[in-house]
Amino acid sequence: MKVFFNHFKQTTSSNDIASEWLKQAEPGSVNVVTTDDQTGGRGQRGRAWDQRPGLDLAWSMAIKWPLEQHRGSKIPEPILFNKAVAVAIWSLVDSALPGSELTGIKWPNDILIRRDAGRMAWQKCAGMLIENAWKGERWDGSVIGVGMNVNSDRSSESGRTSLRSETKKSWDISTLAIELHETVMHQLQILEKDGRQIESAYQQALIGTNHWLPFTLQAEPGWGKIHSVDLQGNLLMQWRMNETSKARDLSVAQSNQLRWDGLDSDASA
């Protein structure tokens, strides 16, 4: 694919710029957009992303799918595509840490870090928002938006951390932007060859897999053990009202239905 890079000192949203480019883009091309200061960054379900100007990574990548891939049915399933991107971001964060931390993917799209094998709460370091463009029933392109806390000090914030807070060193944001592009493209190449590798890597990184954790499901407290995420993006898990009640299978369609109480500590059963 032909790749373009565009950097802005300030913009409202790197995803908005990437989306506008996508409308006129040549099939089989990619545009990576970064900015020092994103004043209106978006997260999942309309939430704002808090980027510290000049200190954190605001990164978007627009992909205009090649027309021949549509004819050859090589365009990935949207949820597998999401998983491949999540694995790419997770692997970049994981490789940046010295090894004493645990990293993972919190369904659907957050990258979290926990220090000292669980004696401290999980904290968010990065998140992503994928916006897909369609022409009729044809998947025409995608815009991947990533926000990553890099050099900002998040020590006073509950539930947030940054690479600098974890590693005690500063990071070159432009280098991280390039590495993220390379990592995403690498995972998409793996996905094109064998989606099972992406499924396996995603499952390995998915927080809560095969462990009972306290959750609140639509205002009802209980315990859940995550199994997987299906091809519709639903979180599949076992659910019980307390530690001794009989478990039942559960499918959760929307992330705002589920509060992850177990991420605030190492509580498990």
Foldseek 3Di string as FASTA:
>chain_A
DAEAEEEEQEDQAQLVVLVVCLVPDDAAYKYKYWYQYHNAYAAPPGDGDDDDRNQWTKMKMKHFHHPVCVVVVLDDQVQLLQLLLLLLVQVLLVVLAPPQWAWFAEPPFWIWIGGRVFQAFIATFKGKDKDWDDDVPRGGMIMIIMIGRAGDCCPVPPRHHHSCRRHVDHDDRVVVNVSSVVSSVVSSVVCSVPSVVSQVSNQVRYPQAQWWAWKQFQNQIWIWHWHGQDSLRWTWIWIDNYPPGDIDIDTHNDPVRMGRPRRRGVDTD
